[in-house]
Amino acid sequence: MKKNYYFMDLFNLFENFGKIELNNLPKENDSNFNKTVEEIENETHVIKNETWTSLDGTQIFKRSFMESKMNAIEKNIDNLRLEMKNAIEKEEFEKAAKIRDKIRKIK
């Protein structure tokens, strides 16, 4: 008999709100399951549908969630700012200026 398990992380209405640790899902490196990920993108979000299927096909776990592209952009800007700060500390001012210009272009 095939068992289907569905878990939904409710589209992250607020940052980190609704994110739950689902202990029933197989681990990322579980050799008893094959994992597939389907990504659907629109202008502002990425929807990810993850499916774990047991090797014998008797168990299926599914999880869907949405990630804001703005969060990814903000993380990228934060990483660039850190990189720029490190370049300034090393007195690599040309590199820092290029990073500054990258940040401005992203904004």
Protein backbone atom coordinates (compact mmCIF):
# COMPACT_ATOMS: atom_id res chain seq x y z
CA MET A 1 0.00 0.00 0.00
CA LYS A 2 1.34 3.42 -0.97
CA LYS A 3 1.49 6.04 1.79
CA ASN A 4 1.44 9.74 0.93
CA TYR A 5 2.49 12.40 3.41
CA TYR A 6 1.93 16.09 2.69
CA PHE A 7 3.51 18.94 4.59
CA MET A 8 2.96 22.59 3.78
CA ASP A 9 5.00 25.51 5.05
CA LEU A 10 2.41 28.24 4.57
CA PHE A 11 4.14 30.49 2.09
CA ASN A 12 6.20 32.43 4.63
CA LEU A 13 3.77 35.31 5.02
CA PHE A 14 6.28 36.91 7.33
CA GLU A 15 10.00 36.32 7.33
CA ASN A 16 10.68 33.10 9.25
CA PHE A 17 7.03 32.95 10.30
CA GLY A 18 5.47 29.55 9.82
CA LYS A 19 8.74 27.76 9.23
CA ILE A 20 8.53 24.51 11.09
CA GLU A 21 11.09 21.78 11.46
CA LEU A 22 9.48 18.70 10.01
CA ASN A 23 11.14 15.80 11.78
CA ASN A 24 9.12 13.27 9.78
CA LEU A 25 10.80 14.15 6.49
CA PRO A 26 13.73 12.01 5.38
CA LYS A 27 17.19 13.53 5.82
CA GLU A 28 18.90 15.11 2.82
CA ASN A 29 21.40 12.24 2.47
CA ASP A 30 19.01 9.36 3.28
CA SER A 31 19.98 6.54 0.92
CA ASN A 32 16.50 4.96 1.20
CA PHE A 33 14.82 7.89 -0.61
CA ASN A 34 15.20 9.74 -3.88
CA LYS A 35 14.59 13.49 -3.61
CA THR A 36 13.33 15.70 -6.43
CA VAL A 37 12.88 19.46 -6.32
CA GLU A 38 10.65 21.46 -8.65
CA GLU A 39 11.07 25.24 -8.67
CA ILE A 40 8.52 27.68 -10.05
CA GLU A 41 9.58 31.32 -10.29
CA ASN A 42 7.58 34.49 -10.64
CA GLU A 43 8.70 38.11 -10.34
CA THR A 44 8.87 38.19 -6.55
CA HIS A 45 8.99 34.59 -5.26
CA VAL A 46 10.33 31.11 -5.86
CA ILE A 47 7.98 28.22 -5.07
CA LYS A 48 9.76 24.96 -4.27
CA ASN A 49 8.05 21.58 -4.32
CA GLU A 50 10.19 18.87 -2.74
CA THR A 51 9.31 15.19 -3.04
CA TRP A 52 11.01 12.24 -1.33
CA THR A 53 10.10 8.82 -2.76
CA SER A 54 11.26 5.61 -1.11
CA LEU A 55 13.31 3.28 -3.30
CA ASP A 56 10.54 0.67 -3.23
CA GLY A 57 7.90 3.31 -4.03
CA THR A 58 5.76 2.63 -0.96
CA GLN A 59 6.30 5.99 0.74
CA ILE A 60 6.12 9.52 -0.61
CA PHE A 61 6.80 12.68 1.38
CA LYS A 62 6.02 16.09 -0.12
CA ARG A 63 6.72 19.60 1.05
CA SER A 64 5.99 22.91 -0.66
CA PHE A 65 7.16 26.34 0.37
CA MET A 66 7.71 29.78 -1.04
CA GLU A 67 10.80 31.95 -0.71
CA SER A 68 10.86 35.66 -1.34
CA LYS A 69 13.39 36.81 -3.91
CA MET A 70 13.81 39.99 -1.89
CA ASN A 71 15.33 37.99 0.98
CA ALA A 72 17.89 36.54 -1.41
CA ILE A 73 18.69 40.00 -2.79
CA GLU A 74 19.07 41.43 0.73
CA LYS A 75 21.38 38.55 1.70
CA ASN A 76 23.44 39.19 -1.43
CA ILE A 77 23.72 42.89 -0.56
CA ASP A 78 24.76 42.03 3.01
CA ASN A 79 27.46 39.69 1.69
CA LEU A 80 28.69 42.37 -0.71
CA ARG A 81 28.83 44.94 2.11
CA LEU A 82 30.92 42.55 4.18
CA GLU A 83 33.20 41.93 1.21
CA MET A 84 33.52 45.70 0.68
CA LYS A 85 34.37 46.25 4.35
CA ASN A 86 37.10 43.57 4.14
CA ALA A 87 38.51 45.19 1.00
CA ILE A 88 38.64 48.58 2.75
CA GLU A 89 40.41 47.05 5.75
CA LYS A 90 43.00 45.57 3.38
CA GLU A 91 43.25 48.99 1.68
CA GLU A 92 42.05 47.52 -1.64
CA PHE A 93 40.11 50.65 -2.49
CA GLU A 94 39.57 49.92 -6.19
CA LYS A 95 38.01 46.56 -5.32
CA ALA A 96 35.86 48.24 -2.64
CA ALA A 97 34.67 50.84 -5.18
CA LYS A 98 33.67 48.11 -7.65
CA ILE A 99 31.73 46.30 -4.93
CA ARG A 100 30.06 49.60 -3.94
CA ASP A 101 28.99 50.10 -7.56
CA LYS A 102 27.61 46.54 -7.66
CA ILE A 103 25.51 47.25 -4.55
CA ARG A 104 24.16 50.46 -6.11
CA LYS A 105 23.28 48.61 -9.31
CA ILE A 106 21.38 45.94 -7.38
CA LYS A 107 19.41 48.55 -5.41
